[in-house]
Amino acid sequence: MQSLMFNMLGFFAQFERDLIVDRTTEGRARAKARGTHMGRLAQDANIIKRALTLYAERESNRLTVSEIVKSTGIPKATLYAELKKLNLRKQPF
C-alpha cells in the first residue's frame, strides 16, 4: 500500500512539473514573437572600456583588479571575460 501511495505522489509531482515546463515554453514563445528581450541585460560598453583602460594602465595608476571592479561597478568575471576576448590577460604559466 505504501509503495502504491509513493508512486501516485511521484506521478502527480511529475505531471505538475510537465505542466510547468509546458507553460514556461509557451510563455517564452509568445514573448519571442512579441520581440521581448530574453535574458540578462548587457553591461554598458563605455563602462567596460573604462575598466579595460584602467586595467591596461595598472602599472601607472597602481590599481588592483578589485579596486577597478569596485570603481567601475562591473563584475570581476565580466572584466576577465573581456580581457580574455582581447588577449590582454597575462596567463599564469
PDB file of N, CA and C in Angstrom:
ATOM      1  N   MET A   1       0.816  -1.201   0.000  1.00  0.00           N
ATOM      2  CA  MET A   1       0.000   0.000   0.000  1.00  0.00           C
ATOM      3  C   MET A   1       0.865   1.275   0.000  1.00  0.00           C
ATOM      4  N   GLN A   2       1.956   1.232   0.773  1.00  0.00           N
ATOM      5  CA  GLN A   2       2.844   2.391   0.839  1.00  0.00           C
ATOM      6  C   GLN A   2       3.516   2.641  -0.508  1.00  0.00           C
ATOM      7  N   SER A   3       3.890   1.552  -1.173  1.00  0.00           N
ATOM      8  CA  SER A   3       4.524   1.673  -2.479  1.00  0.00           C
ATOM      9  C   SER A   3       3.564   2.304  -3.488  1.00  0.00           C
ATOM     10  N   LEU A   4       2.308   1.905  -3.457  1.00  0.00           N
ATOM     11  CA  LEU A   4       1.305   2.479  -4.346  1.00  0.00           C
ATOM     12  C   LEU A   4       1.143   3.978  -4.086  1.00  0.00           C
ATOM     13  N   MET A   5       1.058   4.343  -2.806  1.00  0.00           N
ATOM     14  CA  MET A   5       0.896   5.759  -2.444  1.00  0.00           C
ATOM     15  C   MET A   5       2.109   6.578  -2.886  1.00  0.00           C
ATOM     16  N   PHE A   6       3.294   6.016  -2.681  1.00  0.00           N
ATOM     17  CA  PHE A   6       4.521   6.712  -3.085  1.00  0.00           C
ATOM     18  C   PHE A   6       4.553   6.912  -4.593  1.00  0.00           C
ATOM     19  N   ASN A   7       4.180   5.896  -5.352  1.00  0.00           N
ATOM     20  CA  ASN A   7       4.164   6.002  -6.811  1.00  0.00           C
ATOM     21  C   ASN A   7       3.128   7.017  -7.288  1.00  0.00           C
ATOM     22  N   MET A   8       1.973   7.058  -6.628  1.00  0.00           N
ATOM     23  CA  MET A   8       0.940   8.027  -7.009  1.00  0.00           C
ATOM     24  C   MET A   8       1.417   9.463  -6.766  1.00  0.00           C
ATOM     25  N   LEU A   9       2.061   9.701  -5.628  1.00  0.00           N
ATOM     26  CA  LEU A   9       2.587  11.036  -5.343  1.00  0.00           C
ATOM     27  C   LEU A   9       3.663  11.433  -6.346  1.00  0.00           C
ATOM     28  N   GLY A  10       4.510  10.476  -6.709  1.00  0.00           N
ATOM     29  CA  GLY A  10       5.538  10.735  -7.719  1.00  0.00           C
ATOM     30  C   GLY A  10       4.928  11.061  -9.069  1.00  0.00           C
ATOM     31  N   PHE A  11       3.851  10.371  -9.423  1.00  0.00           N
ATOM     32  CA  PHE A  11       3.165  10.637 -10.677  1.00  0.00           C
ATOM     33  C   PHE A  11       2.617  12.056 -10.713  1.00  0.00           C
ATOM     34  N   PHE A  12       1.950  12.467  -9.623  1.00  0.00           N
ATOM     35  CA  PHE A  12       1.391  13.820  -9.590  1.00  0.00           C
ATOM     36  C   PHE A  12       2.479  14.889  -9.620  1.00  0.00           C
ATOM     37  N   ALA A  13       3.586  14.645  -8.959  1.00  0.00           N
ATOM     38  CA  ALA A  13       4.693  15.605  -8.973  1.00  0.00           C
ATOM     39  C   ALA A  13       5.255  15.745 -10.386  1.00  0.00           C
ATOM     40  N   GLN A  14       5.428  14.619 -11.078  1.00  0.00           N
ATOM     41  CA  GLN A  14       5.947  14.661 -12.448  1.00  0.00           C
ATOM     42  C   GLN A  14       4.955  15.331 -13.390  1.00  0.00           C
ATOM     43  N   PHE A  15       3.675  15.052 -13.216  1.00  0.00           N
ATOM     44  CA  PHE A  15       2.640  15.678 -14.033  1.00  0.00           C
ATOM     45  C   PHE A  15       2.655  17.195 -13.857  1.00  0.00           C
ATOM     46  N   GLU A  16       2.755  17.673 -12.613  1.00  0.00           N
ATOM     47  CA  GLU A  16       2.800  19.115 -12.353  1.00  0.00           C
ATOM     48  C   GLU A  16       4.055  19.729 -12.960  1.00  0.00           C
ATOM     49  N   ARG A  17       5.162  19.039 -12.881  1.00  0.00           N
ATOM     50  CA  ARG A  17       6.413  19.541 -13.471  1.00  0.00           C
ATOM     51  C   ARG A  17       6.260  19.667 -14.984  1.00  0.00           C
ATOM     52  N   ASP A  18       5.657  18.701 -15.616  1.00  0.00           N
ATOM     53  CA  ASP A  18       5.432  18.770 -17.062  1.00  0.00           C
ATOM     54  C   ASP A  18       4.540  19.953 -17.426  1.00  0.00           C
ATOM     55  N   LEU A  19       3.512  20.216 -16.622  1.00  0.00           N
ATOM     56  CA  LEU A  19       2.650  21.374 -16.870  1.00  0.00           C
ATOM     57  C   LEU A  19       3.432  22.683 -16.756  1.00  0.00           C
ATOM     58  N   ILE A  20       4.286  22.780 -15.767  1.00  0.00           N
ATOM     59  CA  ILE A  20       5.106  23.992 -15.584  1.00  0.00           C
ATOM     60  C   ILE A  20       6.020  24.202 -16.789  1.00  0.00           C
ATOM     61  N   VAL A  21       6.661  23.130 -17.252  1.00  0.00           N
ATOM     62  CA  VAL A  21       7.546  23.239 -18.411  1.00  0.00           C
ATOM     63  C   VAL A  21       6.769  23.672 -19.649  1.00  0.00           C
ATOM     64  N   ASP A  22       5.596  23.114 -19.850  1.00  0.00           N
ATOM     65  CA  ASP A  22       4.769  23.491 -20.997  1.00  0.00           C
ATOM     66  C   ASP A  22       4.370  24.964 -20.941  1.00  0.00           C
ATOM     67  N   ARG A  23       3.952  25.436 -19.767  1.00  0.00           N
ATOM     68  CA  ARG A  23       3.557  26.843 -19.621  1.00  0.00           C
ATOM     69  C   ARG A  23       4.738  27.781 -19.844  1.00  0.00           C
ATOM     70  N   THR A  24       5.888  27.404 -19.324  1.00  0.00           N
ATOM     71  CA  THR A  24       7.083  28.231 -19.490  1.00  0.00           C
ATOM     72  C   THR A  24       7.496  28.313 -20.956  1.00  0.00           C
ATOM     73  N   THR A  25       7.470  27.174 -21.634  1.00  0.00           N
ATOM     74  CA  THR A  25       7.832  27.143 -23.056  1.00  0.00           C
ATOM     75  C   THR A  25       6.869  27.992 -23.876  1.00  0.00           C
ATOM     76  N   GLU A  26       5.588  27.888 -23.574  1.00  0.00           N
ATOM     77  CA  GLU A  26       4.584  28.668 -24.288  1.00  0.00           C
ATOM     78  C   GLU A  26       4.777  30.169 -24.036  1.00  0.00           C
ATOM     79  N   GLY A  27       5.046  30.542 -22.804  1.00  0.00           N
ATOM     80  CA  GLY A  27       5.273  31.951 -22.474  1.00  0.00           C
ATOM     81  C   GLY A  27       6.499  32.517 -23.158  1.00  0.00           C
ATOM     82  N   ARG A  28       7.567  31.726 -23.234  1.00  0.00           N
ATOM     83  CA  ARG A  28       8.779  32.187 -23.926  1.00  0.00           C
ATOM     84  C   ARG A  28       8.522  32.356 -25.416  1.00  0.00           C
ATOM     85  N   ALA A  29       7.753  31.446 -25.999  1.00  0.00           N
ATOM     86  CA  ALA A  29       7.446  31.543 -27.428  1.00  0.00           C
ATOM     87  C   ALA A  29       6.635  32.806 -27.708  1.00  0.00           C
ATOM     88  N   ARG A  30       5.662  33.104 -26.829  1.00  0.00           N
ATOM     89  CA  ARG A  30       4.867  34.329 -27.006  1.00  0.00           C
ATOM     90  C   ARG A  30       5.728  35.570 -26.856  1.00  0.00           C
ATOM     91  N   ALA A  31       6.612  35.579 -25.878  1.00  0.00           N
ATOM     92  CA  ALA A  31       7.484  36.731 -25.659  1.00  0.00           C
ATOM     93  C   ALA A  31       8.438  36.922 -26.836  1.00  0.00           C
ATOM     94  N   LYS A  32       8.951  35.826 -27.362  1.00  0.00           N
ATOM     95  CA  LYS A  32       9.850  35.918 -28.512  1.00  0.00           C
ATOM     96  C   LYS A  32       9.119  36.453 -29.739  1.00  0.00           C
ATOM     97  N   ALA A  33       7.869  36.042 -29.909  1.00  0.00           N
ATOM     98  CA  ALA A  33       7.065  36.522 -31.034  1.00  0.00           C
ATOM     99  C   ALA A  33       6.812  38.028 -30.923  1.00  0.00           C
ATOM    100  N   ARG A  34       6.677  38.533 -29.688  1.00  0.00           N
ATOM    101  CA  ARG A  34       6.490  39.968 -29.475  1.00  0.00           C
ATOM    102  C   ARG A  34       7.790  40.745 -29.614  1.00  0.00           C
ATOM    103  N   GLY A  35       8.922  40.043 -29.636  1.00  0.00           N
ATOM    104  CA  GLY A  35      10.218  40.700 -29.747  1.00  0.00           C
ATOM    105  C   GLY A  35      10.794  41.128 -28.407  1.00  0.00           C
ATOM    106  N   THR A  36      10.311  40.557 -27.331  1.00  0.00           N
ATOM    107  CA  THR A  36      10.792  40.885 -25.998  1.00  0.00           C
ATOM    108  C   THR A  36      12.202  40.335 -25.806  1.00  0.00           C
ATOM    109  N   HIS A  37      13.053  41.135 -25.170  1.00  0.00           N
ATOM    110  CA  HIS A  37      14.409  40.702 -24.877  1.00  0.00           C
ATOM    111  C   HIS A  37      14.381  39.608 -23.828  1.00  0.00           C
ATOM    112  N   MET A  38      15.075  38.528 -24.092  1.00  0.00           N
ATOM    113  CA  MET A  38      15.142  37.421 -23.141  1.00  0.00           C
ATOM    114  C   MET A  38      16.527  37.400 -22.517  1.00  0.00           C
ATOM    115  N   GLY A  39      16.586  37.233 -21.218  1.00  0.00           N
ATOM    116  CA  GLY A  39      17.871  37.107 -20.540  1.00  0.00           C
ATOM    117  C   GLY A  39      18.303  38.392 -19.862  1.00  0.00           C
ATOM    118  N   ARG A  40      19.488  38.336 -19.310  1.00  0.00           N
ATOM    119  CA  ARG A  40      20.047  39.444 -18.561  1.00  0.00           C
ATOM    120  C   ARG A  40      20.513  40.554 -19.509  1.00  0.00           C
ATOM    121  N   LEU A  41      20.368  41.793 -19.091  1.00  0.00           N
ATOM    122  CA  LEU A  41      20.842  42.915 -19.887  1.00  0.00           C
ATOM    123  C   LEU A  41      22.360  42.989 -19.844  1.00  0.00           C
ATOM    124  N   ALA A  42      22.957  43.418 -20.931  1.00  0.00           N
ATOM    125  CA  ALA A  42      24.408  43.513 -21.019  1.00  0.00           C
ATOM    126  C   ALA A  42      24.913  44.730 -20.253  1.00  0.00           C
ATOM    127  N   GLN A  43      26.179  44.676 -19.884  1.00  0.00           N
ATOM    128  CA  GLN A  43      26.819  45.810 -19.223  1.00  0.00           C
ATOM    129  C   GLN A  43      27.020  46.922 -20.248  1.00  0.00           C
ATOM    130  N   ASP A  44      27.082  48.150 -19.765  1.00  0.00           N
ATOM    131  CA  ASP A  44      27.301  49.310 -20.624  1.00  0.00           C
ATOM    132  C   ASP A  44      28.697  49.229 -21.239  1.00  0.00           C
ATOM    133  N   ALA A  45      28.794  49.399 -22.554  1.00  0.00           N
ATOM    134  CA  ALA A  45      30.070  49.271 -23.260  1.00  0.00           C
ATOM    135  C   ALA A  45      31.074  50.320 -22.813  1.00  0.00           C
ATOM    136  N   ASN A  46      30.606  51.529 -22.485  1.00  0.00           N
ATOM    137  CA  ASN A  46      31.525  52.578 -22.046  1.00  0.00           C
ATOM    138  C   ASN A  46      32.173  52.232 -20.713  1.00  0.00           C
ATOM    139  N   ILE A  47      31.414  51.635 -19.822  1.00  0.00           N
ATOM    140  CA  ILE A  47      31.962  51.249 -18.518  1.00  0.00           C
ATOM    141  C   ILE A  47      32.980  50.126 -18.688  1.00  0.00           C
ATOM    142  N   ILE A  48      32.696  49.205 -19.585  1.00  0.00           N
ATOM    143  CA  ILE A  48      33.645  48.120 -19.843  1.00  0.00           C
ATOM    144  C   ILE A  48      34.930  48.673 -20.432  1.00  0.00           C
ATOM    145  N   LYS A  49      34.817  49.619 -21.368  1.00  0.00           N
ATOM    146  CA  LYS A  49      36.012  50.248 -21.951  1.00  0.00           C
ATOM    147  C   LYS A  49      36.830  50.953 -20.885  1.00  0.00           C
ATOM    148  N   ARG A  50      36.138  51.637 -19.972  1.00  0.00           N
ATOM    149  CA  ARG A  50      36.842  52.341 -18.888  1.00  0.00           C
ATOM    150  C   ARG A  50      37.583  51.345 -17.999  1.00  0.00           C
ATOM    151  N   ALA A  51      36.948  50.236 -17.689  1.00  0.00           N
ATOM    152  CA  ALA A  51      37.583  49.214 -16.864  1.00  0.00           C
ATOM    153  C   ALA A  51      38.787  48.606 -17.575  1.00  0.00           C
ATOM    154  N   LEU A  52      38.660  48.369 -18.863  1.00  0.00           N
ATOM    155  CA  LEU A  52      39.783  47.818 -19.629  1.00  0.00           C
ATOM    156  C   LEU A  52      40.943  48.799 -19.694  1.00  0.00           C
ATOM    157  N   THR A  53      40.626  50.078 -19.824  1.00  0.00           N
ATOM    158  CA  THR A  53      41.666  51.107 -19.830  1.00  0.00           C
ATOM    159  C   THR A  53      42.385  51.155 -18.486  1.00  0.00           C
ATOM    160  N   LEU A  54      41.618  51.133 -17.403  1.00  0.00           N
ATOM    161  CA  LEU A  54      42.219  51.127 -16.071  1.00  0.00           C
ATOM    162  C   LEU A  54      43.075  49.885 -15.866  1.00  0.00           C
ATOM    163  N   TYR A  55      42.632  48.756 -16.388  1.00  0.00           N
ATOM    164  CA  TYR A  55      43.403  47.525 -16.259  1.00  0.00           C
ATOM    165  C   TYR A  55      44.713  47.625 -17.040  1.00  0.00           C
ATOM    166  N   ALA A  56      44.643  48.178 -18.253  1.00  0.00           N
ATOM    167  CA  ALA A  56      45.843  48.302 -19.083  1.00  0.00           C
ATOM    168  C   ALA A  56      46.852  49.269 -18.462  1.00  0.00           C
ATOM    169  N   GLU A  57      46.367  50.251 -17.694  1.00  0.00           N
ATOM    170  CA  GLU A  57      47.246  51.256 -17.076  1.00  0.00           C
ATOM    171  C   GLU A  57      47.542  50.931 -15.611  1.00  0.00           C
ATOM    172  N   ARG A  58      47.469  49.669 -15.235  1.00  0.00           N
ATOM    173  CA  ARG A  58      47.663  49.298 -13.830  1.00  0.00           C
ATOM    174  C   ARG A  58      49.043  49.651 -13.293  1.00  0.00           C
ATOM    175  N   GLU A  59      50.053  49.603 -14.116  1.00  0.00           N
ATOM    176  CA  GLU A  59      51.399  49.920 -13.631  1.00  0.00           C
ATOM    177  C   GLU A  59      51.525  51.385 -13.258  1.00  0.00           C
ATOM    178  N   SER A  60      50.870  52.254 -13.993  1.00  0.00           N
ATOM    179  CA  SER A  60      50.971  53.684 -13.697  1.00  0.00           C
ATOM    180  C   SER A  60      49.965  54.128 -12.632  1.00  0.00           C
ATOM    181  N   ASN A  61      48.762  53.561 -12.627  1.00  0.00           N
ATOM    182  CA  ASN A  61      47.758  54.010 -11.658  1.00  0.00           C
ATOM    183  C   ASN A  61      47.740  53.177 -10.372  1.00  0.00           C
ATOM    184  N   ARG A  62      48.487  52.068 -10.346  1.00  0.00           N
ATOM    185  CA  ARG A  62      48.630  51.229  -9.144  1.00  0.00           C
ATOM    186  C   ARG A  62      47.296  50.709  -8.596  1.00  0.00           C
ATOM    187  N   LEU A  63      46.340  50.439  -9.471  1.00  0.00           N
ATOM    188  CA  LEU A  63      45.052  49.904  -9.042  1.00  0.00           C
ATOM    189  C   LEU A  63      45.058  48.381  -9.154  1.00  0.00           C
ATOM    190  N   THR A  64      44.447  47.733  -8.196  1.00  0.00           N
ATOM    191  CA  THR A  64      44.278  46.286  -8.268  1.00  0.00           C
ATOM    192  C   THR A  64      42.996  45.986  -9.037  1.00  0.00           C
ATOM    193  N   VAL A  65      42.815  44.732  -9.386  1.00  0.00           N
ATOM    194  CA  VAL A  65      41.605  44.329 -10.105  1.00  0.00           C
ATOM    195  C   VAL A  65      40.379  44.588  -9.229  1.00  0.00           C
ATOM    196  N   SER A  66      40.486  44.306  -7.943  1.00  0.00           N
ATOM    197  CA  SER A  66      39.355  44.540  -7.034  1.00  0.00           C
ATOM    198  C   SER A  66      38.989  46.022  -6.987  1.00  0.00           C
ATOM    199  N   GLU A  67      39.979  46.896  -6.985  1.00  0.00           N
ATOM    200  CA  GLU A  67      39.700  48.335  -6.966  1.00  0.00           C
ATOM    201  C   GLU A  67      39.067  48.792  -8.281  1.00  0.00           C
ATOM    202  N   ILE A  68      39.520  48.231  -9.390  1.00  0.00           N
ATOM    203  CA  ILE A  68      38.940  48.574 -10.693  1.00  0.00           C
ATOM    204  C   ILE A  68      37.482  48.132 -10.741  1.00  0.00           C
ATOM    205  N   VAL A  69      37.210  46.940 -10.246  1.00  0.00           N
ATOM    206  CA  VAL A  69      35.842  46.405 -10.240  1.00  0.00           C
ATOM    207  C   VAL A  69      34.939  47.269  -9.362  1.00  0.00           C
ATOM    208  N   LYS A  70      35.438  47.669  -8.196  1.00  0.00           N
ATOM    209  CA  LYS A  70      34.636  48.500  -7.291  1.00  0.00           C
ATOM    210  C   LYS A  70      34.373  49.874  -7.882  1.00  0.00           C
ATOM    211  N   SER A  71      35.371  50.470  -8.528  1.00  0.00           N
ATOM    212  CA  SER A  71      35.188  51.825  -9.050  1.00  0.00           C
ATOM    213  C   SER A  71      34.292  51.870 -10.285  1.00  0.00           C
ATOM    214  N   THR A  72      34.328  50.819 -11.111  1.00  0.00           N
ATOM    215  CA  THR A  72      33.509  50.818 -12.326  1.00  0.00           C
ATOM    216  C   THR A  72      32.151  50.169 -12.119  1.00  0.00           C
ATOM    217  N   GLY A  73      32.060  49.246 -11.176  1.00  0.00           N
ATOM    218  CA  GLY A  73      30.780  48.600 -10.906  1.00  0.00           C
ATOM    219  C   GLY A  73      30.470  47.391 -11.767  1.00  0.00           C
ATOM    220  N   ILE A  74      31.442  46.928 -12.534  1.00  0.00           N
ATOM    221  CA  ILE A  74      31.201  45.726 -13.331  1.00  0.00           C
ATOM    222  C   ILE A  74      31.664  44.504 -12.548  1.00  0.00           C
ATOM    223  N   PRO A  75      31.104  43.345 -12.817  1.00  0.00           N
ATOM    224  CA  PRO A  75      31.565  42.135 -12.135  1.00  0.00           C
ATOM    225  C   PRO A  75      32.981  41.747 -12.567  1.00  0.00           C
ATOM    226  N   LYS A  76      33.695  41.122 -11.653  1.00  0.00           N
ATOM    227  CA  LYS A  76      35.067  40.701 -11.940  1.00  0.00           C
ATOM    228  C   LYS A  76      35.084  39.703 -13.093  1.00  0.00           C
ATOM    229  N   ALA A  77      34.088  38.827 -13.149  1.00  0.00           N
ATOM    230  CA  ALA A  77      34.030  37.837 -14.223  1.00  0.00           C
ATOM    231  C   ALA A  77      33.866  38.505 -15.588  1.00  0.00           C
ATOM    232  N   THR A  78      33.119  39.604 -15.635  1.00  0.00           N
ATOM    233  CA  THR A  78      32.945  40.336 -16.891  1.00  0.00           C
ATOM    234  C   THR A  78      34.264  40.942 -17.339  1.00  0.00           C
ATOM    235  N   LEU A  79      34.996  41.524 -16.396  1.00  0.00           N
ATOM    236  CA  LEU A  79      36.297  42.112 -16.729  1.00  0.00           C
ATOM    237  C   LEU A  79      37.230  41.045 -17.280  1.00  0.00           C
ATOM    238  N   TYR A  80      37.306  39.899 -16.596  1.00  0.00           N
ATOM    239  CA  TYR A  80      38.190  38.840 -17.064  1.00  0.00           C
ATOM    240  C   TYR A  80      37.735  38.266 -18.406  1.00  0.00           C
ATOM    241  N   ALA A  81      36.432  38.173 -18.639  1.00  0.00           N
ATOM    242  CA  ALA A  81      35.931  37.671 -19.929  1.00  0.00           C
ATOM    243  C   ALA A  81      36.299  38.622 -21.063  1.00  0.00           C
ATOM    244  N   GLU A  82      36.178  39.923 -20.814  1.00  0.00           N
ATOM    245  CA  GLU A  82      36.541  40.904 -21.844  1.00  0.00           C
ATOM    246  C   GLU A  82      38.049  40.891 -22.095  1.00  0.00           C
ATOM    247  N   LEU A  83      38.831  40.730 -21.046  1.00  0.00           N
ATOM    248  CA  LEU A  83      40.284  40.644 -21.208  1.00  0.00           C
ATOM    249  C   LEU A  83      40.666  39.405 -22.004  1.00  0.00           C
ATOM    250  N   LYS A  84      39.950  38.325 -21.762  1.00  0.00           N
ATOM    251  CA  LYS A  84      40.220  37.093 -22.493  1.00  0.00           C
ATOM    252  C   LYS A  84      39.913  37.265 -23.981  1.00  0.00           C
ATOM    253  N   LYS A  85      38.823  37.983 -24.268  1.00  0.00           N
ATOM    254  CA  LYS A  85      38.477  38.248 -25.676  1.00  0.00           C
ATOM    255  C   LYS A  85      39.575  39.036 -26.372  1.00  0.00           C
ATOM    256  N   LEU A  86      40.202  39.972 -25.641  1.00  0.00           N
ATOM    257  CA  LEU A  86      41.230  40.826 -26.216  1.00  0.00           C
ATOM    258  C   LEU A  86      42.638  40.279 -26.038  1.00  0.00           C
ATOM    259  N   ASN A  87      42.754  39.141 -25.366  1.00  0.00           N
ATOM    260  CA  ASN A  87      44.060  38.518 -25.072  1.00  0.00           C
ATOM    261  C   ASN A  87      44.985  39.466 -24.317  1.00  0.00           C
ATOM    262  N   LEU A  88      44.442  40.252 -23.390  1.00  0.00           N
ATOM    263  CA  LEU A  88      45.243  41.165 -22.593  1.00  0.00           C
ATOM    264  C   LEU A  88      45.646  40.584 -21.246  1.00  0.00           C
ATOM    265  N   ARG A  89      44.930  39.581 -20.815  1.00  0.00           N
ATOM    266  CA  ARG A  89      45.224  39.000 -19.503  1.00  0.00           C
ATOM    267  C   ARG A  89      46.439  38.105 -19.601  1.00  0.00           C
ATOM    268  N   LYS A  90      47.356  38.322 -18.690  1.00  0.00           N
ATOM    269  CA  LYS A  90      48.567  37.507 -18.669  1.00  0.00           C
ATOM    270  C   LYS A  90      48.232  36.136 -18.095  1.00  0.00           C
ATOM    271  N   GLN A  91      48.687  35.107 -18.779  1.00  0.00           N
ATOM    272  CA  GLN A  91      48.436  33.742 -18.323  1.00  0.00           C
ATOM    273  C   GLN A  91      49.385  33.408 -17.178  1.00  0.00           C
ATOM    274  N   PRO A  92      48.936  32.615 -16.190  1.00  0.00           N
ATOM    275  CA  PRO A  92      49.786  32.313 -15.046  1.00  0.00           C
ATOM    276  C   PRO A  92      50.971  31.432 -15.398  1.00  0.00           C
ATOM    277  N   PHE A  93      50.939  30.744 -16.540  1.00  0.00           N
ATOM    278  CA  PHE A  93      52.035  29.837 -16.897  1.00  0.00           C
ATOM    279  C   PHE A  93      52.870  30.410 -18.002  1.00  0.00           C
TER     280      PHE A  93
END
